[in-house]
Amino acid sequence: MNRGYNIILPRENEFPELYMPAGEAFDACAAGLQIKISPRMYHMQKKAITKA
């Protein structure tokens, strides 16, 4: 991140309704350097991300 590279962070679980990244992640998202994505809606179970 210090080099200005764009970062894509896949997450297993989507974000709760009022989620906001904190600290350095917040600054990176605000600057358009970082994006967090998820293939699923928010849930309380722990599931693994697979190719399927």
C-alpha atoms as a PDB file:
ATOM      1  CA  MET A   1       0.000   0.000   0.000  1.00  0.00           C
ATOM      2  CA  ASN A   2       2.893   2.355   0.727  1.00  0.00           C
ATOM      3  CA  ARG A   3       3.979   2.026  -2.920  1.00  0.00           C
ATOM      4  CA  GLY A   4       0.587   3.174  -4.204  1.00  0.00           C
ATOM      5  CA  TYR A   5      -0.460  -0.192  -5.640  1.00  0.00           C
ATOM      6  CA  ASN A   6      -4.150  -0.973  -5.982  1.00  0.00           C
ATOM      7  CA  ILE A   7      -5.256  -3.749  -3.630  1.00  0.00           C
ATOM      8  CA  ILE A   8      -8.239  -6.090  -4.014  1.00  0.00           C
ATOM      9  CA  LEU A   9      -9.171  -7.991  -0.841  1.00  0.00           C
ATOM     10  CA  PRO A  10     -11.632 -10.858  -1.370  1.00  0.00           C
ATOM     11  CA  ARG A  11     -13.658 -11.628   1.761  1.00  0.00           C
ATOM     12  CA  GLU A  12     -15.639 -14.748   2.524  1.00  0.00           C
ATOM     13  CA  ASN A  13     -18.419 -12.761   4.175  1.00  0.00           C
ATOM     14  CA  GLU A  14     -20.015  -9.530   3.028  1.00  0.00           C
ATOM     15  CA  PHE A  15     -19.987  -6.563   5.374  1.00  0.00           C
ATOM     16  CA  PRO A  16     -22.584  -5.818   8.037  1.00  0.00           C
ATOM     17  CA  GLU A  17     -24.915  -2.914   7.271  1.00  0.00           C
ATOM     18  CA  LEU A  18     -22.896  -0.260   9.154  1.00  0.00           C
ATOM     19  CA  TYR A  19     -19.380  -1.576   8.343  1.00  0.00           C
ATOM     20  CA  MET A  20     -16.586   0.942   7.832  1.00  0.00           C
ATOM     21  CA  PRO A  21     -12.903   0.040   7.479  1.00  0.00           C
ATOM     22  CA  ALA A  22     -10.609   1.508  10.110  1.00  0.00           C
ATOM     23  CA  GLY A  23      -7.247   3.256  10.064  1.00  0.00           C
ATOM     24  CA  GLU A  24      -4.995   2.623   7.077  1.00  0.00           C
ATOM     25  CA  ALA A  25      -7.663   0.556   5.287  1.00  0.00           C
ATOM     26  CA  PHE A  26     -10.115   3.468   5.517  1.00  0.00           C
ATOM     27  CA  ASP A  27      -7.593   5.870   3.998  1.00  0.00           C
ATOM     28  CA  ALA A  28      -6.746   3.400   1.195  1.00  0.00           C
ATOM     29  CA  CYS A  29     -10.438   2.859   0.350  1.00  0.00           C
ATOM     30  CA  ALA A  30     -11.095   6.615   0.378  1.00  0.00           C
ATOM     31  CA  ALA A  31      -8.138   7.189  -1.971  1.00  0.00           C
ATOM     32  CA  GLY A  32      -9.365   4.461  -4.345  1.00  0.00           C
ATOM     33  CA  LEU A  33      -6.340   2.225  -3.687  1.00  0.00           C
ATOM     34  CA  GLN A  34      -8.190  -0.616  -1.974  1.00  0.00           C
ATOM     35  CA  ILE A  35     -11.437  -2.446  -2.585  1.00  0.00           C
ATOM     36  CA  LYS A  36     -12.969  -5.219  -0.489  1.00  0.00           C
ATOM     37  CA  ILE A  37     -15.301  -7.615  -2.290  1.00  0.00           C
ATOM     38  CA  SER A  38     -17.409 -10.620  -1.302  1.00  0.00           C
ATOM     39  CA  PRO A  39     -19.336 -13.208  -3.345  1.00  0.00           C
ATOM     40  CA  ARG A  40     -21.976 -13.653  -0.616  1.00  0.00           C
ATOM     41  CA  MET A  41     -24.481 -11.710   1.412  1.00  0.00           C
ATOM     42  CA  TYR A  42     -23.663 -11.094   5.084  1.00  0.00           C
ATOM     43  CA  HIS A  43     -24.167 -14.122   7.337  1.00  0.00           C
ATOM     44  CA  MET A  44     -23.027 -15.310  10.762  1.00  0.00           C
ATOM     45  CA  GLN A  45     -21.572 -18.702   9.693  1.00  0.00           C
ATOM     46  CA  LYS A  46     -17.933 -19.249   8.750  1.00  0.00           C
ATOM     47  CA  LYS A  47     -17.638 -20.568   5.193  1.00  0.00           C
ATOM     48  CA  ALA A  48     -14.621 -20.969   2.933  1.00  0.00           C
ATOM     49  CA  ILE A  49     -14.239 -19.250  -0.446  1.00  0.00           C
ATOM     50  CA  THR A  50     -13.905 -21.831  -3.229  1.00  0.00           C
ATOM     51  CA  LYS A  51     -13.433 -21.651  -6.993  1.00  0.00           C
ATOM     52  CA  ALA A  52     -16.975 -22.933  -7.509  1.00  0.00           C
END
